[in-house]
N, C-alpha and C. Protein backbone atom coordinates (compact mmCIF):
# COMPACT_ATOMS: atom_id res chain seq x y z
N MET A 1 84.11 16.98 28.11
CA MET A 1 85.53 17.24 28.07
C MET A 1 85.98 17.17 26.63
N SER A 2 86.90 18.05 26.28
CA SER A 2 87.38 18.07 24.90
C SER A 2 88.36 16.94 24.68
N GLY A 3 88.71 16.71 23.42
CA GLY A 3 89.62 15.60 23.09
C GLY A 3 91.01 15.79 23.67
N ALA A 4 91.49 17.04 23.66
CA ALA A 4 92.83 17.30 24.18
C ALA A 4 92.85 17.14 25.68
N GLY A 5 91.78 17.54 26.34
CA GLY A 5 91.72 17.42 27.79
C GLY A 5 91.67 15.98 28.22
N MET A 6 90.93 15.15 27.48
CA MET A 6 90.85 13.73 27.82
C MET A 6 92.20 13.05 27.61
N HIS A 7 92.85 13.46 26.59
CA HIS A 7 94.16 12.85 26.30
C HIS A 7 95.13 13.14 27.42
N ARG A 8 95.15 14.39 27.91
CA ARG A 8 96.03 14.76 28.99
C ARG A 8 95.67 14.00 30.26
N ALA A 9 94.43 13.86 30.54
CA ALA A 9 93.98 13.15 31.74
C ALA A 9 94.32 11.68 31.65
N ALA A 10 94.21 11.12 30.47
CA ALA A 10 94.52 9.70 30.31
C ALA A 10 96.01 9.46 30.51
N LEU A 11 96.86 10.35 29.98
CA LEU A 11 98.30 10.19 30.18
C LEU A 11 98.65 10.28 31.65
N HIS A 12 98.07 11.27 32.35
CA HIS A 12 98.37 11.45 33.76
C HIS A 12 97.84 10.27 34.57
N ALA A 13 96.68 9.83 34.24
CA ALA A 13 96.10 8.70 34.96
C ALA A 13 96.88 7.43 34.67
N GLY A 14 97.33 7.28 33.44
CA GLY A 14 98.08 6.07 33.11
C GLY A 14 99.41 6.03 33.82
N ALA A 15 100.06 7.20 33.94
CA ALA A 15 101.36 7.23 34.61
C ALA A 15 101.16 6.94 36.09
N ASN A 16 100.11 7.49 36.71
CA ASN A 16 99.88 7.24 38.12
C ASN A 16 99.37 5.83 38.35
N ALA A 17 98.65 5.29 37.40
CA ALA A 17 98.09 3.95 37.56
C ALA A 17 99.20 2.93 37.61
N ALA A 18 100.28 3.17 36.94
CA ALA A 18 101.40 2.22 36.96
C ALA A 18 102.20 2.37 38.23
N GLY A 19 101.90 3.40 39.04
CA GLY A 19 102.61 3.58 40.29
C GLY A 19 103.90 4.35 40.13
N ARG A 20 104.08 4.97 39.00
CA ARG A 20 105.31 5.73 38.76
C ARG A 20 104.97 7.19 38.55
N GLY A 21 105.99 8.05 38.71
CA GLY A 21 105.82 9.46 38.39
C GLY A 21 106.09 9.66 36.92
N TRP A 22 106.41 10.85 36.55
CA TRP A 22 106.67 11.15 35.13
C TRP A 22 107.97 10.51 34.67
N LEU A 23 108.93 10.27 35.55
CA LEU A 23 110.21 9.65 35.17
C LEU A 23 110.33 8.28 35.81
N PRO A 24 110.91 7.36 35.12
CA PRO A 24 111.15 6.06 35.76
C PRO A 24 112.09 6.24 36.95
N PRO A 25 112.00 5.40 37.97
CA PRO A 25 112.81 5.60 39.19
C PRO A 25 114.31 5.54 38.95
N ASP A 26 114.81 4.65 38.07
CA ASP A 26 116.26 4.57 37.84
C ASP A 26 116.77 5.83 37.14
N LEU A 27 115.96 6.41 36.23
CA LEU A 27 116.35 7.63 35.55
C LEU A 27 116.30 8.81 36.51
N ALA A 28 115.31 8.85 37.39
CA ALA A 28 115.22 9.92 38.38
C ALA A 28 116.40 9.86 39.34
N TRP A 29 116.82 8.68 39.73
CA TRP A 29 117.95 8.52 40.65
C TRP A 29 119.25 9.00 39.99
N ARG A 30 119.46 8.63 38.73
CA ARG A 30 120.67 9.05 38.02
C ARG A 30 120.69 10.56 37.82
N GLY A 31 119.56 11.13 37.48
CA GLY A 31 119.48 12.57 37.30
C GLY A 31 119.75 13.31 38.59
N GLY A 32 119.23 12.83 39.70
CA GLY A 32 119.48 13.45 40.99
C GLY A 32 120.95 13.37 41.38
N ALA A 33 121.60 12.21 41.13
CA ALA A 33 123.02 12.05 41.46
C ALA A 33 123.87 12.97 40.61
N ALA A 34 123.54 13.11 39.33
CA ALA A 34 124.31 13.98 38.45
C ALA A 34 124.15 15.44 38.87
N GLY A 35 122.94 15.83 39.24
CA GLY A 35 122.72 17.21 39.69
C GLY A 35 123.49 17.51 40.96
N LEU A 36 123.50 16.56 41.92
CA LEU A 36 124.24 16.73 43.17
C LEU A 36 125.74 16.84 42.92
N ALA A 37 126.26 16.01 42.01
CA ALA A 37 127.69 16.06 41.68
C ALA A 37 128.03 17.40 41.03
N GLY A 38 127.15 17.91 40.19
CA GLY A 38 127.40 19.21 39.57
C GLY A 38 127.42 20.32 40.59
N LEU A 39 126.52 20.28 41.56
CA LEU A 39 126.50 21.30 42.61
C LEU A 39 127.78 21.25 43.46
N LEU A 40 128.24 20.04 43.77
CA LEU A 40 129.47 19.91 44.56
C LEU A 40 130.67 20.45 43.79
N LEU A 41 130.74 20.18 42.50
CA LEU A 41 131.84 20.69 41.68
C LEU A 41 131.80 22.22 41.60
N LEU A 42 130.62 22.77 41.46
CA LEU A 42 130.48 24.22 41.39
C LEU A 42 130.92 24.85 42.71
N ALA A 43 130.52 24.24 43.84
CA ALA A 43 130.91 24.78 45.14
C ALA A 43 132.42 24.70 45.34
N ALA A 44 133.04 23.60 44.89
CA ALA A 44 134.49 23.46 45.03
C ALA A 44 135.22 24.47 44.15
N TRP A 45 134.65 24.75 43.01
CA TRP A 45 135.32 25.67 42.08
C TRP A 45 135.21 27.12 42.58
N LEU A 46 134.07 27.45 43.21
CA LEU A 46 133.87 28.81 43.69
C LEU A 46 134.50 29.06 45.05
N ALA A 47 134.87 28.02 45.77
CA ALA A 47 135.44 28.18 47.11
C ALA A 47 136.81 28.84 47.00
N PRO A 48 137.15 29.75 47.90
CA PRO A 48 138.48 30.38 47.86
C PRO A 48 139.56 29.37 48.24
N LEU A 49 140.72 29.55 47.61
CA LEU A 49 141.86 28.67 47.91
C LEU A 49 142.45 29.06 49.25
N PRO A 50 142.92 28.09 50.01
CA PRO A 50 143.54 28.43 51.29
C PRO A 50 144.85 29.19 51.05
N ASP A 51 145.16 30.12 51.92
CA ASP A 51 146.42 30.86 51.82
C ASP A 51 147.57 29.95 52.18
N VAL A 52 148.58 29.97 51.32
CA VAL A 52 149.78 29.18 51.57
C VAL A 52 150.86 30.16 51.95
N ALA A 53 151.40 29.98 53.14
CA ALA A 53 152.46 30.88 53.59
C ALA A 53 153.73 30.54 52.83
N GLU A 54 154.36 31.60 52.32
CA GLU A 54 155.61 31.37 51.60
C GLU A 54 156.72 31.10 52.59
N ALA A 55 157.54 30.13 52.27
CA ALA A 55 158.67 29.83 53.14
C ALA A 55 159.71 30.93 52.94
N PRO A 56 160.32 31.41 54.02
CA PRO A 56 161.34 32.45 53.86
C PRO A 56 162.54 31.88 53.10
N LEU A 57 163.15 32.73 52.27
CA LEU A 57 164.33 32.31 51.52
C LEU A 57 165.50 32.18 52.47
N PRO A 58 166.36 31.19 52.22
CA PRO A 58 167.52 31.04 53.10
C PRO A 58 168.47 32.23 52.95
N ASP A 59 169.11 32.58 54.04
CA ASP A 59 170.05 33.70 54.05
C ASP A 59 171.46 33.14 54.18
N PRO A 60 172.25 33.20 53.08
CA PRO A 60 173.62 32.66 53.17
C PRO A 60 174.48 33.40 54.19
N ALA A 61 174.14 34.67 54.47
CA ALA A 61 174.94 35.42 55.44
C ALA A 61 174.83 34.82 56.83
N ARG A 62 173.69 34.19 57.14
CA ARG A 62 173.50 33.57 58.45
C ARG A 62 173.92 32.11 58.45
N GLY A 63 174.47 31.65 57.33
CA GLY A 63 174.93 30.27 57.27
C GLY A 63 173.87 29.29 56.82
N GLU A 64 172.75 29.81 56.33
CA GLU A 64 171.69 28.93 55.85
C GLU A 64 171.99 28.53 54.41
N ALA A 65 171.89 27.27 54.14
CA ALA A 65 172.15 26.78 52.78
C ALA A 65 170.91 26.98 51.93
N GLY A 66 171.13 27.36 50.66
CA GLY A 66 170.01 27.60 49.76
C GLY A 66 169.37 26.32 49.28
N VAL A 67 170.13 25.46 48.66
CA VAL A 67 169.62 24.22 48.11
C VAL A 67 170.42 23.10 48.75
N PRO A 68 169.74 22.11 49.28
CA PRO A 68 170.52 21.03 49.90
C PRO A 68 171.35 20.31 48.85
N ALA A 69 172.48 19.84 49.27
CA ALA A 69 173.37 19.12 48.36
C ALA A 69 172.73 17.80 47.96
N ALA A 70 172.98 17.41 46.70
CA ALA A 70 172.45 16.13 46.22
C ALA A 70 173.18 15.00 46.92
N PRO A 71 172.46 13.93 47.19
CA PRO A 71 173.13 12.80 47.84
C PRO A 71 174.12 12.16 46.86
N PRO A 72 175.12 11.48 47.37
CA PRO A 72 176.07 10.83 46.46
C PRO A 72 175.35 9.75 45.64
N PHE A 73 175.79 9.59 44.40
CA PHE A 73 175.12 8.65 43.51
C PHE A 73 175.49 7.21 43.81
N GLY A 74 176.64 6.98 44.38
CA GLY A 74 177.06 5.63 44.74
C GLY A 74 177.02 4.69 43.56
N PRO A 75 176.22 3.63 43.65
CA PRO A 75 176.21 2.64 42.57
C PRO A 75 175.56 3.16 41.28
N TYR A 76 174.92 4.33 41.34
CA TYR A 76 174.24 4.88 40.16
C TYR A 76 175.09 5.90 39.41
N ALA A 77 176.33 6.08 39.83
CA ALA A 77 177.20 7.06 39.17
C ALA A 77 177.40 6.71 37.70
N GLU A 78 177.44 5.44 37.36
CA GLU A 78 177.64 5.03 35.96
C GLU A 78 176.45 5.46 35.10
N ILE A 79 175.26 5.46 35.65
CA ILE A 79 174.08 5.90 34.90
C ILE A 79 174.20 7.38 34.56
N MET A 80 174.75 8.16 35.48
CA MET A 80 174.91 9.59 35.21
C MET A 80 176.03 9.85 34.20
N ARG A 81 176.99 8.95 34.12
CA ARG A 81 178.14 9.15 33.23
C ARG A 81 177.81 8.85 31.77
N VAL A 82 176.92 7.94 31.49
CA VAL A 82 176.60 7.57 30.10
C VAL A 82 175.15 7.94 29.80
N PRO A 83 174.85 8.28 28.57
CA PRO A 83 173.46 8.64 28.23
C PRO A 83 172.56 7.42 28.24
N LEU A 84 171.41 7.53 28.90
CA LEU A 84 170.51 6.39 29.04
C LEU A 84 169.86 5.98 27.72
N PHE A 85 169.47 6.95 26.91
CA PHE A 85 168.66 6.64 25.74
C PHE A 85 169.44 6.68 24.44
N HIS A 86 170.75 6.55 24.50
CA HIS A 86 171.57 6.52 23.29
C HIS A 86 171.82 5.06 22.93
N ALA A 87 171.84 4.75 21.65
CA ALA A 87 171.92 3.36 21.20
C ALA A 87 173.14 2.63 21.75
N ASN A 88 174.31 3.26 21.72
CA ASN A 88 175.50 2.54 22.15
C ASN A 88 175.89 2.86 23.59
N ARG A 89 175.20 3.80 24.23
CA ARG A 89 175.42 4.20 25.62
C ARG A 89 176.84 4.64 25.90
N LEU A 90 177.54 5.12 24.88
CA LEU A 90 178.87 5.66 25.09
C LEU A 90 178.75 7.13 25.47
N PRO A 91 179.67 7.62 26.29
CA PRO A 91 179.61 9.04 26.64
C PRO A 91 179.75 9.89 25.37
N PHE A 92 179.12 11.05 25.40
CA PHE A 92 179.16 11.95 24.25
C PHE A 92 180.56 12.52 24.08
N THR A 93 181.07 12.41 22.90
CA THR A 93 182.33 13.06 22.55
C THR A 93 182.05 13.95 21.35
N PRO A 94 182.40 15.21 21.44
CA PRO A 94 182.12 16.09 20.31
C PRO A 94 182.96 15.68 19.10
N PRO A 95 182.44 15.94 17.90
CA PRO A 95 183.21 15.58 16.72
C PRO A 95 184.46 16.45 16.63
N PRO A 96 185.49 15.93 15.98
CA PRO A 96 186.71 16.73 15.87
C PRO A 96 186.44 17.98 15.03
N PRO A 97 187.17 19.04 15.30
CA PRO A 97 186.95 20.25 14.51
C PRO A 97 187.33 20.02 13.05
N ALA A 98 186.63 20.71 12.18
CA ALA A 98 186.90 20.57 10.75
C ALA A 98 188.28 21.12 10.45
N PRO A 99 189.00 20.46 9.56
CA PRO A 99 190.34 20.98 9.23
C PRO A 99 190.20 22.32 8.51
N PRO A 100 191.19 23.17 8.66
CA PRO A 100 191.10 24.46 7.98
C PRO A 100 191.15 24.25 6.46
N PRO A 101 190.51 25.13 5.72
CA PRO A 101 190.52 24.96 4.27
C PRO A 101 191.95 25.08 3.74
N PRO A 102 192.24 24.36 2.69
CA PRO A 102 193.61 24.43 2.16
C PRO A 102 193.90 25.83 1.62
N ALA A 103 195.14 26.20 1.73
CA ALA A 103 195.55 27.51 1.23
C ALA A 103 195.41 27.52 -0.29
N PRO A 104 194.95 28.62 -0.85
CA PRO A 104 194.83 28.67 -2.31
C PRO A 104 196.21 28.58 -2.95
N PRO A 105 196.27 27.93 -4.10
CA PRO A 105 197.57 27.85 -4.76
C PRO A 105 198.03 29.24 -5.18
N PRO A 106 199.33 29.41 -5.23
CA PRO A 106 199.82 30.73 -5.63
C PRO A 106 199.39 31.05 -7.06
N ALA A 107 199.26 32.32 -7.31
CA ALA A 107 198.88 32.75 -8.65
C ALA A 107 199.97 32.32 -9.64
N PRO A 108 199.57 31.84 -10.79
CA PRO A 108 200.57 31.38 -11.74
C PRO A 108 201.41 32.55 -12.27
N THR A 109 202.64 32.24 -12.47
CA THR A 109 203.54 33.25 -13.05
C THR A 109 204.03 32.72 -14.38
N PRO A 110 204.30 33.58 -15.28
CA PRO A 110 204.75 33.13 -16.60
C PRO A 110 206.22 32.73 -16.62
N LEU A 111 206.83 32.49 -15.45
CA LEU A 111 208.24 32.12 -15.44
C LEU A 111 208.50 30.84 -16.22
N ALA A 112 207.53 29.89 -16.14
CA ALA A 112 207.73 28.63 -16.87
C ALA A 112 207.79 28.88 -18.38
N LEU A 113 207.10 29.91 -18.85
CA LEU A 113 207.09 30.21 -20.28
C LEU A 113 208.21 31.16 -20.68
N ALA A 114 208.90 31.75 -19.71
CA ALA A 114 209.95 32.74 -20.03
C ALA A 114 211.10 32.11 -20.80
N GLN A 115 211.29 30.82 -20.67
CA GLN A 115 212.39 30.17 -21.37
C GLN A 115 212.09 29.88 -22.84
N TYR A 116 210.85 30.11 -23.27
CA TYR A 116 210.45 29.79 -24.65
C TYR A 116 210.33 31.07 -25.49
N HIS A 117 210.72 30.92 -26.76
CA HIS A 117 210.59 32.00 -27.74
C HIS A 117 209.86 31.44 -28.94
N LEU A 118 209.07 32.27 -29.55
CA LEU A 118 208.32 31.87 -30.74
C LEU A 118 209.30 31.86 -31.92
N THR A 119 209.37 30.72 -32.59
CA THR A 119 210.26 30.63 -33.76
C THR A 119 209.49 30.47 -35.05
N GLY A 120 208.19 30.17 -34.95
CA GLY A 120 207.41 30.04 -36.17
C GLY A 120 205.94 29.84 -35.87
N VAL A 121 205.11 30.13 -36.88
CA VAL A 121 203.67 29.97 -36.80
C VAL A 121 203.25 29.14 -37.99
N VAL A 122 202.42 28.10 -37.74
CA VAL A 122 201.93 27.24 -38.82
C VAL A 122 200.42 27.39 -38.88
N VAL A 123 199.92 27.77 -40.08
CA VAL A 123 198.48 27.87 -40.29
C VAL A 123 198.15 26.88 -41.39
N SER A 124 197.28 25.91 -41.08
CA SER A 124 196.90 24.88 -42.05
C SER A 124 195.42 24.60 -41.93
N ALA A 125 194.95 23.66 -42.74
CA ALA A 125 193.54 23.28 -42.68
C ALA A 125 193.21 22.61 -41.35
N ASP A 126 194.19 22.01 -40.70
CA ASP A 126 193.98 21.35 -39.40
C ASP A 126 193.90 22.34 -38.24
N GLY A 127 194.33 23.57 -38.44
CA GLY A 127 194.30 24.57 -37.38
C GLY A 127 195.60 25.32 -37.33
N ARG A 128 195.77 26.09 -36.27
CA ARG A 128 196.99 26.88 -36.10
C ARG A 128 197.87 26.26 -35.03
N SER A 129 199.19 26.37 -35.27
CA SER A 129 200.17 25.83 -34.34
C SER A 129 201.29 26.84 -34.15
N ALA A 130 202.03 26.67 -33.06
CA ALA A 130 203.17 27.55 -32.77
C ALA A 130 204.41 26.69 -32.59
N LEU A 131 205.52 27.14 -33.18
CA LEU A 131 206.83 26.50 -32.96
C LEU A 131 207.54 27.30 -31.88
N LEU A 132 207.88 26.63 -30.77
CA LEU A 132 208.53 27.28 -29.64
C LEU A 132 209.88 26.64 -29.40
N ARG A 133 210.91 27.48 -29.11
CA ARG A 133 212.25 26.98 -28.81
C ARG A 133 212.58 27.31 -27.37
N SER A 134 213.12 26.31 -26.67
CA SER A 134 213.52 26.49 -25.28
C SER A 134 214.93 27.06 -25.24
N SER A 135 215.12 28.12 -24.49
CA SER A 135 216.46 28.69 -24.35
C SER A 135 217.29 27.88 -23.35
N ARG A 136 216.67 27.04 -22.57
CA ARG A 136 217.38 26.23 -21.57
C ARG A 136 218.09 25.05 -22.24
N ASP A 137 217.38 24.24 -23.07
CA ASP A 137 218.00 23.06 -23.67
C ASP A 137 218.03 23.11 -25.20
N GLY A 138 217.46 24.14 -25.80
CA GLY A 138 217.53 24.32 -27.25
C GLY A 138 216.55 23.47 -28.05
N ARG A 139 215.68 22.72 -27.42
CA ARG A 139 214.74 21.88 -28.19
C ARG A 139 213.59 22.73 -28.71
N THR A 140 212.99 22.28 -29.81
CA THR A 140 211.89 22.98 -30.44
C THR A 140 210.62 22.14 -30.28
N LEU A 141 209.52 22.82 -29.91
CA LEU A 141 208.23 22.14 -29.69
C LEU A 141 207.21 22.68 -30.68
N LEU A 142 206.31 21.83 -31.11
CA LEU A 142 205.19 22.22 -31.94
C LEU A 142 203.91 22.04 -31.11
N LEU A 143 203.21 23.12 -30.85
CA LEU A 143 201.98 23.07 -30.05
C LEU A 143 200.82 23.57 -30.89
N ARG A 144 199.70 22.83 -30.85
CA ARG A 144 198.46 23.27 -31.51
C ARG A 144 197.62 24.04 -30.52
N GLU A 145 196.72 24.85 -31.02
CA GLU A 145 195.82 25.57 -30.13
C GLU A 145 195.03 24.54 -29.29
N GLY A 146 194.96 24.78 -27.98
CA GLY A 146 194.26 23.87 -27.07
C GLY A 146 195.19 22.93 -26.34
N GLU A 147 196.46 22.79 -26.76
CA GLU A 147 197.41 21.92 -26.06
C GLU A 147 198.07 22.70 -24.93
N SER A 148 198.67 21.97 -23.98
CA SER A 148 199.28 22.58 -22.80
C SER A 148 200.78 22.45 -22.79
N LEU A 149 201.42 23.41 -22.13
CA LEU A 149 202.87 23.41 -21.93
C LEU A 149 203.15 23.94 -20.54
N ASP A 150 203.72 23.12 -19.67
CA ASP A 150 204.06 23.49 -18.29
C ASP A 150 202.87 24.11 -17.54
N GLY A 151 201.67 23.54 -17.73
CA GLY A 151 200.49 24.02 -17.02
C GLY A 151 199.81 25.20 -17.69
N TRP A 152 200.31 25.65 -18.83
CA TRP A 152 199.71 26.78 -19.56
C TRP A 152 199.07 26.24 -20.83
N MET A 153 197.85 26.68 -21.12
CA MET A 153 197.10 26.23 -22.30
C MET A 153 197.32 27.24 -23.42
N LEU A 154 197.68 26.73 -24.63
CA LEU A 154 197.81 27.58 -25.81
C LEU A 154 196.41 27.91 -26.31
N ARG A 155 195.96 29.14 -26.10
CA ARG A 155 194.60 29.55 -26.44
C ARG A 155 194.49 30.05 -27.88
N GLU A 156 195.51 30.79 -28.32
CA GLU A 156 195.39 31.42 -29.63
C GLU A 156 196.78 31.60 -30.24
N VAL A 157 196.86 31.44 -31.56
CA VAL A 157 198.09 31.69 -32.29
C VAL A 157 197.80 32.80 -33.31
N THR A 158 198.57 33.89 -33.23
CA THR A 158 198.43 34.99 -34.19
C THR A 158 199.70 35.05 -35.02
N ALA A 159 199.78 35.99 -35.93
CA ALA A 159 200.97 36.12 -36.77
C ALA A 159 202.16 36.59 -35.97
N GLU A 160 201.94 37.22 -34.80
CA GLU A 160 203.04 37.77 -34.01
C GLU A 160 203.29 37.08 -32.69
N ALA A 161 202.33 36.26 -32.18
CA ALA A 161 202.49 35.72 -30.83
C ALA A 161 201.70 34.44 -30.64
N ALA A 162 202.14 33.69 -29.64
CA ALA A 162 201.39 32.54 -29.13
C ALA A 162 200.84 32.98 -27.78
N ILE A 163 199.53 32.95 -27.62
CA ILE A 163 198.89 33.46 -26.41
C ILE A 163 198.49 32.28 -25.54
N PHE A 164 199.07 32.25 -24.34
CA PHE A 164 198.80 31.18 -23.38
C PHE A 164 197.91 31.73 -22.26
N ALA A 165 197.14 30.85 -21.63
CA ALA A 165 196.28 31.22 -20.49
C ALA A 165 196.32 30.12 -19.45
N GLN A 166 196.12 30.55 -18.21
CA GLN A 166 196.08 29.60 -17.10
C GLN A 166 195.05 30.09 -16.09
N GLU A 167 194.20 29.18 -15.61
CA GLU A 167 193.18 29.53 -14.62
C GLU A 167 193.83 29.53 -13.24
N SER A 168 193.42 30.48 -12.41
CA SER A 168 193.90 30.55 -11.03
C SER A 168 192.75 31.03 -10.16
N PRO A 169 192.88 30.94 -8.83
CA PRO A 169 191.82 31.44 -7.96
C PRO A 169 191.56 32.93 -8.18
N ALA A 170 192.55 33.67 -8.62
CA ALA A 170 192.37 35.10 -8.85
C ALA A 170 191.73 35.37 -10.21
N GLY A 171 191.59 34.34 -11.04
CA GLY A 171 191.00 34.51 -12.37
C GLY A 171 191.97 34.00 -13.43
N ALA A 172 191.60 34.21 -14.68
CA ALA A 172 192.45 33.74 -15.79
C ALA A 172 193.65 34.67 -15.95
N VAL A 173 194.82 34.05 -16.16
CA VAL A 173 196.04 34.80 -16.38
C VAL A 173 196.48 34.54 -17.82
N ARG A 174 196.85 35.61 -18.52
CA ARG A 174 197.29 35.51 -19.92
C ARG A 174 198.76 35.83 -20.03
N HIS A 175 199.44 35.16 -20.98
CA HIS A 175 200.85 35.46 -21.25
C HIS A 175 201.09 35.24 -22.74
N GLU A 176 201.82 36.15 -23.34
CA GLU A 176 202.15 36.05 -24.76
C GLU A 176 203.61 35.68 -24.93
N VAL A 177 203.86 34.71 -25.79
CA VAL A 177 205.22 34.36 -26.19
C VAL A 177 205.39 34.87 -27.62
N THR A 178 206.43 35.73 -27.83
CA THR A 178 206.59 36.37 -29.13
C THR A 178 207.91 35.96 -29.78
N PHE A 179 208.08 36.42 -31.01
CA PHE A 179 209.37 36.24 -31.68
C PHE A 179 210.40 37.07 -30.92
N PRO A 180 211.66 36.60 -30.85
CA PRO A 180 212.64 37.32 -30.04
C PRO A 180 212.98 38.72 -30.56
N ASP A 181 212.91 38.96 -31.85
CA ASP A 181 213.32 40.26 -32.36
C ASP A 181 212.17 41.17 -32.73
N VAL A 182 210.92 40.79 -32.42
CA VAL A 182 209.76 41.62 -32.77
C VAL A 182 209.63 42.72 -31.73
N LYS A 183 209.53 43.93 -32.20
CA LYS A 183 209.34 45.07 -31.29
C LYS A 183 207.90 45.53 -31.45
N ARG A 184 207.26 45.77 -30.35
CA ARG A 184 205.86 46.17 -30.36
C ARG A 184 205.77 47.67 -30.63
N VAL A 185 204.79 48.01 -31.44
CA VAL A 185 204.52 49.41 -31.75
C VAL A 185 203.37 49.83 -30.83
N ALA A 186 203.55 50.93 -30.13
CA ALA A 186 202.49 51.39 -29.22
C ALA A 186 201.25 51.73 -30.02
N GLU A 187 200.11 51.25 -29.57
CA GLU A 187 198.87 51.50 -30.29
C GLU A 187 198.10 52.62 -29.69
């Protein structure tokens, strides 16, 4: 007998000599149980589902109700009234509506400046200034460029005019205050 043949015979004889087959009995039992369970699952999966007869829909014309009415809540009505999972368990109240946006202020008009006339222009090392006289009370004001009068900012002083500006929602508005007797030449 060759070496490989003797080895095979010895393994087979040794397994039979111990009184066991090729697998230990506990492993053979577990394998058989697992195989049987797999076959049962396969049979259940392949089996056709039983036919379920659909219940006829209720006919309101014959007086049949569609969905039965819910039973009264009785002592549980409070649970339905307040949210169960809210921290303070108060009923939901929607937030108040946002107030409407404020109306934009009216566009500025130069009426506040209409009472003033340019009476002089001062140009110095400190900057330019305008002398303005009020026709309402006769007082004279000295304004430097960048100062304000009745909500109007003195932006520029030229030899002929004091130029005021005011910001509004419609944009910047300009107004010139001139000497009372200066006549403009069309350009």
